[in-house]
Amino acid sequence: MAGLAVMAGAFGAHGLDTYFAEKYVSAAPKTIAGHSVPASYKYLEDFKTGARYQMWHALGLIAVGFLSQVRRKKSLQIAGWSFLLGIVLFSGSLYALTLTGITKFGMVAPIGGTLMIVGWVALAVAACPCATK
């Protein structure tokens, strides 16, 4: 997942600029923090957000792997699956939305984000020495 995040980030930084400029040339401007920006810029930033979140949660998966070497807890399984599904749903929906322009993909992003939060809570529970399960 971390390697794929690096590839997605590199693709976003070096391969999508021209593609988005051409794809969204006639799209209405978008608003970011009260500023009007070209749609191509907004979607490039959204793609990069997907890659950034994928990397952070891939690191979370690595932490789950390391912690599972010293602790066997159900919360680690929950964390691992939540991170994985969160990456697929959150980052995947941003990749799909920006590359295709089909906004319906964005509807699953909140589910992925929620799973990412669940993953961090479950990882914290597993890492806590006071937790017993």
C-alpha atoms as a PDB file:
ATOM      1  CA  MET A   1       0.000   0.000   0.000  1.00  0.00           C
ATOM      2  CA  ALA A   2       2.824   2.397   0.818  1.00  0.00           C
ATOM      3  CA  GLY A   3       4.537   1.674  -2.491  1.00  0.00           C
ATOM      4  CA  LEU A   4       1.279   2.213  -4.343  1.00  0.00           C
ATOM      5  CA  ALA A   5       0.850   5.512  -2.502  1.00  0.00           C
ATOM      6  CA  VAL A   6       4.281   6.633  -3.706  1.00  0.00           C
ATOM      7  CA  MET A   7       3.358   5.667  -7.262  1.00  0.00           C
ATOM      8  CA  ALA A   8       0.020   7.492  -7.013  1.00  0.00           C
ATOM      9  CA  GLY A   9       1.732  10.560  -5.599  1.00  0.00           C
ATOM     10  CA  ALA A  10       4.339  10.544  -8.360  1.00  0.00           C
ATOM     11  CA  PHE A  11       1.628  10.046 -10.971  1.00  0.00           C
ATOM     12  CA  GLY A  12      -0.306  12.966  -9.501  1.00  0.00           C
ATOM     13  CA  ALA A  13       2.757  15.190  -9.348  1.00  0.00           C
ATOM     14  CA  HIS A  14       4.162  14.372 -12.776  1.00  0.00           C
ATOM     15  CA  GLY A  15       1.504  12.779 -14.942  1.00  0.00           C
ATOM     16  CA  LEU A  16      -1.851  14.349 -14.262  1.00  0.00           C
ATOM     17  CA  ASP A  17      -1.233  18.068 -14.662  1.00  0.00           C
ATOM     18  CA  THR A  18      -1.764  18.109 -18.425  1.00  0.00           C
ATOM     19  CA  TYR A  19      -4.468  15.426 -18.321  1.00  0.00           C
ATOM     20  CA  PHE A  20      -6.568  17.362 -15.813  1.00  0.00           C
ATOM     21  CA  ALA A  21      -5.975  20.670 -17.635  1.00  0.00           C
ATOM     22  CA  GLU A  22      -7.371  19.117 -20.821  1.00  0.00           C
ATOM     23  CA  LYS A  23     -10.147  17.083 -19.171  1.00  0.00           C
ATOM     24  CA  TYR A  24     -11.522  19.938 -17.075  1.00  0.00           C
ATOM     25  CA  VAL A  25     -10.812  22.846 -19.447  1.00  0.00           C
ATOM     26  CA  SER A  26     -14.498  23.719 -19.752  1.00  0.00           C
ATOM     27  CA  ALA A  27     -15.512  22.810 -16.189  1.00  0.00           C
ATOM     28  CA  ALA A  28     -16.770  25.545 -13.909  1.00  0.00           C
ATOM     29  CA  PRO A  29     -14.237  26.893 -11.411  1.00  0.00           C
ATOM     30  CA  LYS A  30     -14.245  25.367  -7.924  1.00  0.00           C
ATOM     31  CA  THR A  31     -13.920  27.107  -4.579  1.00  0.00           C
ATOM     32  CA  ILE A  32     -11.135  26.180  -2.157  1.00  0.00           C
ATOM     33  CA  ALA A  33     -10.949  28.091   1.138  1.00  0.00           C
ATOM     34  CA  GLY A  34     -12.965  30.928  -0.331  1.00  0.00           C
ATOM     35  CA  HIS A  35     -10.819  31.234  -3.459  1.00  0.00           C
ATOM     36  CA  SER A  36     -11.972  30.401  -6.955  1.00  0.00           C
ATOM     37  CA  VAL A  37      -9.604  27.970  -8.669  1.00  0.00           C
ATOM     38  CA  PRO A  38      -9.715  26.053 -11.953  1.00  0.00           C
ATOM     39  CA  ALA A  39     -11.427  22.659 -11.664  1.00  0.00           C
ATOM     40  CA  SER A  40      -8.216  21.005 -12.888  1.00  0.00           C
ATOM     41  CA  TYR A  41      -6.337  22.403  -9.867  1.00  0.00           C
ATOM     42  CA  LYS A  42      -9.055  21.289  -7.432  1.00  0.00           C
ATOM     43  CA  TYR A  43      -9.102  17.766  -8.827  1.00  0.00           C
ATOM     44  CA  LEU A  44      -5.312  17.516  -8.830  1.00  0.00           C
ATOM     45  CA  GLU A  45      -5.311  18.491  -5.148  1.00  0.00           C
ATOM     46  CA  ASP A  46      -8.050  15.918  -4.455  1.00  0.00           C
ATOM     47  CA  PHE A  47      -5.981  13.217  -6.167  1.00  0.00           C
ATOM     48  CA  LYS A  48      -2.944  14.177  -4.087  1.00  0.00           C
ATOM     49  CA  THR A  49      -5.106  14.030  -0.946  1.00  0.00           C
ATOM     50  CA  GLY A  50      -5.999  10.438  -1.835  1.00  0.00           C
ATOM     51  CA  ALA A  51      -2.312   9.549  -2.199  1.00  0.00           C
ATOM     52  CA  ARG A  52      -1.384  11.312   1.062  1.00  0.00           C
ATOM     53  CA  TYR A  53      -4.106   9.554   3.050  1.00  0.00           C
ATOM     54  CA  GLN A  54      -3.181   6.242   1.458  1.00  0.00           C
ATOM     55  CA  MET A  55       0.410   6.679   2.623  1.00  0.00           C
ATOM     56  CA  TRP A  56      -0.526   7.582   6.203  1.00  0.00           C
ATOM     57  CA  HIS A  57      -2.809   4.595   6.465  1.00  0.00           C
ATOM     58  CA  ALA A  58      -0.274   2.284   4.842  1.00  0.00           C
ATOM     59  CA  LEU A  59       2.042   3.338   7.668  1.00  0.00           C
ATOM     60  CA  GLY A  60      -0.784   2.466  10.039  1.00  0.00           C
ATOM     61  CA  LEU A  61      -0.910  -0.992   8.462  1.00  0.00           C
ATOM     62  CA  ILE A  62       2.825  -1.354   9.041  1.00  0.00           C
ATOM     63  CA  ALA A  63       2.305  -0.419  12.694  1.00  0.00           C
ATOM     64  CA  VAL A  64      -0.425  -3.066  12.929  1.00  0.00           C
ATOM     65  CA  GLY A  65       2.013  -5.616  11.530  1.00  0.00           C
ATOM     66  CA  PHE A  66       4.754  -4.726  13.995  1.00  0.00           C
ATOM     67  CA  LEU A  67       2.401  -4.674  16.977  1.00  0.00           C
ATOM     68  CA  SER A  68       0.892  -8.005  15.976  1.00  0.00           C
ATOM     69  CA  GLN A  69       4.320  -9.566  16.496  1.00  0.00           C
ATOM     70  CA  VAL A  70       4.101  -8.885  20.230  1.00  0.00           C
ATOM     71  CA  ARG A  71       0.345  -8.823  20.815  1.00  0.00           C
ATOM     72  CA  ARG A  72      -2.505 -10.877  19.477  1.00  0.00           C
ATOM     73  CA  LYS A  73      -5.620  -8.791  19.800  1.00  0.00           C
ATOM     74  CA  LYS A  74      -8.905  -8.574  17.986  1.00  0.00           C
ATOM     75  CA  SER A  75      -8.451  -4.791  17.879  1.00  0.00           C
ATOM     76  CA  LEU A  76      -5.396  -5.268  15.628  1.00  0.00           C
ATOM     77  CA  GLN A  77      -7.491  -7.217  13.149  1.00  0.00           C
ATOM     78  CA  ILE A  78     -10.118  -4.481  13.264  1.00  0.00           C
ATOM     79  CA  ALA A  79      -7.422  -1.837  12.747  1.00  0.00           C
ATOM     80  CA  GLY A  80      -5.845  -3.663   9.817  1.00  0.00           C
ATOM     81  CA  TRP A  81      -9.091  -4.304   7.981  1.00  0.00           C
ATOM     82  CA  SER A  82     -10.344  -0.791   8.704  1.00  0.00           C
ATOM     83  CA  PHE A  83      -7.164   0.757   7.294  1.00  0.00           C
ATOM     84  CA  LEU A  84      -7.259  -1.449   4.210  1.00  0.00           C
ATOM     85  CA  LEU A  85     -10.942  -0.863   3.446  1.00  0.00           C
ATOM     86  CA  GLY A  86     -10.575   2.810   4.328  1.00  0.00           C
ATOM     87  CA  ILE A  87      -7.769   3.186   1.787  1.00  0.00           C
ATOM     88  CA  VAL A  88      -9.776   1.419  -0.906  1.00  0.00           C
ATOM     89  CA  LEU A  89     -12.944   3.420  -0.272  1.00  0.00           C
ATOM     90  CA  PHE A  90     -11.507   6.850   0.588  1.00  0.00           C
ATOM     91  CA  SER A  91      -8.411   7.080  -1.591  1.00  0.00           C
ATOM     92  CA  GLY A  92      -9.916   4.880  -4.278  1.00  0.00           C
ATOM     93  CA  SER A  93     -13.005   7.065  -4.548  1.00  0.00           C
ATOM     94  CA  LEU A  94     -10.867  10.204  -4.855  1.00  0.00           C
ATOM     95  CA  TYR A  95      -8.760   8.580  -7.571  1.00  0.00           C
ATOM     96  CA  ALA A  96     -11.856   7.447  -9.449  1.00  0.00           C
ATOM     97  CA  LEU A  97     -13.693  10.747  -9.034  1.00  0.00           C
ATOM     98  CA  THR A  98     -10.795  12.878 -10.245  1.00  0.00           C
ATOM     99  CA  LEU A  99      -9.775  10.622 -13.129  1.00  0.00           C
ATOM    100  CA  THR A 100     -13.283  10.095 -14.476  1.00  0.00           C
ATOM    101  CA  GLY A 101     -15.151  13.200 -13.341  1.00  0.00           C
ATOM    102  CA  ILE A 102     -18.005  10.975 -12.126  1.00  0.00           C
ATOM    103  CA  THR A 103     -18.955  12.631  -8.848  1.00  0.00           C
ATOM    104  CA  LYS A 104     -20.935   9.642  -7.567  1.00  0.00           C
ATOM    105  CA  PHE A 105     -17.616   8.043  -6.614  1.00  0.00           C
ATOM    106  CA  GLY A 106     -17.281  10.725  -3.948  1.00  0.00           C
ATOM    107  CA  MET A 107     -20.288   9.324  -2.097  1.00  0.00           C
ATOM    108  CA  VAL A 108     -18.229   6.468  -0.614  1.00  0.00           C
ATOM    109  CA  ALA A 109     -15.356   8.683   0.576  1.00  0.00           C
ATOM    110  CA  PRO A 110     -17.008   9.400   3.960  1.00  0.00           C
ATOM    111  CA  ILE A 111     -17.391   5.665   4.582  1.00  0.00           C
ATOM    112  CA  GLY A 112     -13.694   5.185   3.869  1.00  0.00           C
ATOM    113  CA  GLY A 113     -12.792   8.114   6.108  1.00  0.00           C
ATOM    114  CA  THR A 114     -14.875   6.682   8.917  1.00  0.00           C
ATOM    115  CA  LEU A 115     -13.127   3.333   8.545  1.00  0.00           C
ATOM    116  CA  MET A 116      -9.771   5.102   8.752  1.00  0.00           C
ATOM    117  CA  ILE A 117     -10.815   6.701  12.044  1.00  0.00           C
ATOM    118  CA  VAL A 118     -12.021   3.325  13.348  1.00  0.00           C
ATOM    119  CA  GLY A 119      -8.632   1.899  12.394  1.00  0.00           C
ATOM    120  CA  TRP A 120      -6.722   4.472  14.440  1.00  0.00           C
ATOM    121  CA  VAL A 121      -8.975   3.990  17.455  1.00  0.00           C
ATOM    122  CA  ALA A 122      -8.578   0.206  17.224  1.00  0.00           C
ATOM    123  CA  LEU A 123      -4.794   0.556  16.877  1.00  0.00           C
ATOM    124  CA  ALA A 124      -4.694   2.805  19.943  1.00  0.00           C
ATOM    125  CA  VAL A 125      -6.729   0.267  21.922  1.00  0.00           C
ATOM    126  CA  ALA A 126      -4.378  -2.516  20.853  1.00  0.00           C
ATOM    127  CA  ALA A 127      -1.289  -0.480  21.745  1.00  0.00           C
ATOM    128  CA  CYS A 128      -2.609   0.526  25.162  1.00  0.00           C
ATOM    129  CA  PRO A 129      -0.976  -1.603  27.865  1.00  0.00           C
ATOM    130  CA  CYS A 130      -4.158  -1.374  29.931  1.00  0.00           C
ATOM    131  CA  ALA A 131      -6.221  -3.152  27.237  1.00  0.00           C
ATOM    132  CA  THR A 132      -6.713  -6.852  27.793  1.00  0.00           C
ATOM    133  CA  LYS A 133      -8.276  -8.009  24.505  1.00  0.00           C
END
